Amino acid sequence: MPEPDPAGSPAAGGDSGRELDAGPAVPPEPGRGRRVVVEGTAYAVFRTESGWAVFEDNCPHAGAPLSEGMWKDGHVICAWHGWKFDCRTGACSIGRGLPSAKVLAVREDGGRLWISRG
């Protein structure tokens, strides 16, 4: 699937709270992620039982692309070492004090996904 053209990504507002067009709201394969790049930043997109989940596309443990991981039971599981991150908060659920993944707000509108960088 082609990635959205950053030049064609409309944004609303200033730098804080702006929304980025992440392309068509086409779900990846069940349980899998999809990578999208918007304005030079990679995001991991997952379709969960409660809607969409978007992470910055790098695992805080070793930098693996989270988009290559899988989604299961409300968590994204990193493909490299199995670290698990809560889809709502980004918290790592395999141990205390471990770094969280960055989750971004996302909404679907007009058949497209909009990521908030606020």
Protein backbone atom coordinates (compact mmCIF):
# COMPACT_ATOMS: atom_id res chain seq x y z
CA MET A 1 0.00 0.00 0.00
CA PRO A 2 1.46 3.39 -0.91
CA GLU A 3 2.32 5.79 1.85
CA PRO A 4 0.58 9.15 1.95
CA ASP A 5 2.32 12.03 0.22
CA PRO A 6 3.64 14.33 2.97
CA ALA A 7 3.24 17.33 0.67
CA GLY A 8 -0.46 16.52 0.39
CA SER A 9 -1.01 16.07 4.11
CA PRO A 10 -3.25 18.89 5.31
CA ALA A 11 -2.73 20.02 8.86
CA ALA A 12 -4.96 22.13 11.08
CA GLY A 13 -3.67 24.68 13.54
CA GLY A 14 -0.10 25.44 14.55
CA ASP A 15 2.67 23.06 15.61
CA SER A 16 0.94 22.09 18.84
CA GLY A 17 -2.20 20.01 18.46
CA ARG A 18 -2.04 19.74 14.71
CA GLU A 19 -3.47 16.77 12.88
CA LEU A 20 -1.68 14.89 10.14
CA ASP A 21 -3.38 12.96 7.36
CA ALA A 22 -2.07 9.39 7.73
CA GLY A 23 -3.83 8.11 4.64
CA PRO A 24 -6.76 5.81 4.01
CA ALA A 25 -8.39 4.09 6.99
CA VAL A 26 -7.62 0.64 5.60
CA PRO A 27 -7.05 -1.90 8.38
CA PRO A 28 -3.88 -3.99 8.23
CA GLU A 29 -4.18 -7.76 8.33
CA PRO A 30 -5.89 -8.90 11.57
CA GLY A 31 -3.44 -8.72 14.47
CA ARG A 32 -0.76 -7.01 12.38
CA GLY A 33 0.51 -3.45 12.10
CA ARG A 34 1.08 -1.15 9.17
CA ARG A 35 3.76 1.50 8.77
CA VAL A 36 2.88 4.98 7.50
CA VAL A 37 5.28 7.86 7.05
CA VAL A 38 3.97 11.40 7.34
CA GLU A 39 6.24 14.44 7.05
CA GLY A 40 9.30 12.23 7.54
CA THR A 41 8.06 10.53 10.72
CA ALA A 42 7.15 6.83 10.79
CA TYR A 43 4.06 5.64 12.66
CA ALA A 44 2.79 2.13 13.46
CA VAL A 45 -0.96 1.78 12.84
CA PHE A 46 -3.03 -1.03 14.36
CA ARG A 47 -6.75 -1.82 14.24
CA THR A 48 -7.86 -2.99 17.68
CA GLU A 49 -11.17 -4.26 19.05
CA SER A 50 -11.99 -0.72 20.18
CA GLY A 51 -10.76 1.23 17.16
CA TRP A 52 -7.43 2.48 15.88
CA ALA A 53 -4.13 2.65 17.77
CA VAL A 54 -1.12 4.62 16.54
CA PHE A 55 2.40 4.54 17.96
CA GLU A 56 5.62 6.20 16.96
CA ASP A 57 7.18 3.40 14.94
CA ASN A 58 10.09 2.58 17.22
CA CYS A 59 10.29 0.32 20.24
CA PRO A 60 11.87 2.19 23.18
CA HIS A 61 13.81 -0.95 24.08
CA ALA A 62 15.94 -1.48 20.97
CA GLY A 63 14.49 0.75 18.25
CA ALA A 64 12.65 -1.99 16.37
CA PRO A 65 9.77 -0.90 14.13
CA LEU A 66 6.61 -1.57 16.13
CA SER A 67 4.71 -1.79 12.83
CA GLU A 68 6.38 -5.17 12.29
CA GLY A 69 4.90 -6.43 15.55
CA MET A 70 1.46 -7.75 16.33
CA TRP A 71 -1.56 -6.67 18.28
CA LYS A 72 -3.14 -9.00 20.84
CA ASP A 73 -5.38 -8.45 23.86
CA GLY A 74 -5.02 -4.67 23.90
CA HIS A 75 -1.24 -4.70 23.50
CA VAL A 76 1.24 -4.24 20.69
CA ILE A 77 4.00 -6.84 20.86
CA CYS A 78 7.41 -5.91 19.45
CA ALA A 79 8.63 -8.37 16.81
CA TRP A 80 12.26 -8.26 17.97
CA HIS A 81 12.17 -9.08 21.69
CA GLY A 82 8.51 -9.48 22.64
CA TRP A 83 8.12 -6.29 24.66
CA LYS A 84 4.40 -5.50 25.12
CA PHE A 85 2.88 -2.02 25.10
CA ASP A 86 -0.64 -1.04 26.12
CA CYS A 87 -2.53 0.34 23.09
CA ARG A 88 -4.14 3.10 25.16
CA THR A 89 -1.22 4.33 27.27
CA GLY A 90 1.95 2.93 25.69
CA ALA A 91 3.01 1.52 29.06
CA CYS A 92 5.29 -1.49 28.89
CA SER A 93 3.55 -4.41 30.55
CA ILE A 94 6.43 -6.86 30.96
CA GLY A 95 8.01 -5.23 34.00
CA ARG A 96 8.08 -2.20 36.28
CA GLY A 97 10.09 0.86 35.36
CA LEU A 98 10.58 -0.06 31.71
CA PRO A 99 10.21 2.67 29.10
CA SER A 100 6.85 3.29 27.45
CA ALA A 101 6.13 3.52 23.75
CA LYS A 102 4.67 6.78 22.46
CA VAL A 103 0.96 6.51 21.62
CA LEU A 104 -0.71 9.24 19.58
CA ALA A 105 -4.33 10.25 19.39
CA VAL A 106 -5.99 9.16 16.15
CA ARG A 107 -9.40 9.59 14.62
CA GLU A 108 -11.08 8.36 11.47
CA ASP A 109 -12.91 10.90 9.34
CA GLY A 110 -14.00 10.74 5.73
CA GLY A 111 -12.35 7.35 5.27
CA ARG A 112 -8.95 8.69 6.36
CA LEU A 113 -6.89 8.50 9.56
CA TRP A 114 -5.85 11.70 11.29
CA ILE A 115 -2.98 11.59 13.80
CA SER A 116 -2.72 14.29 16.45
CA ARG A 117 0.80 15.49 17.20
CA GLY A 118 -0.29 17.58 20.18
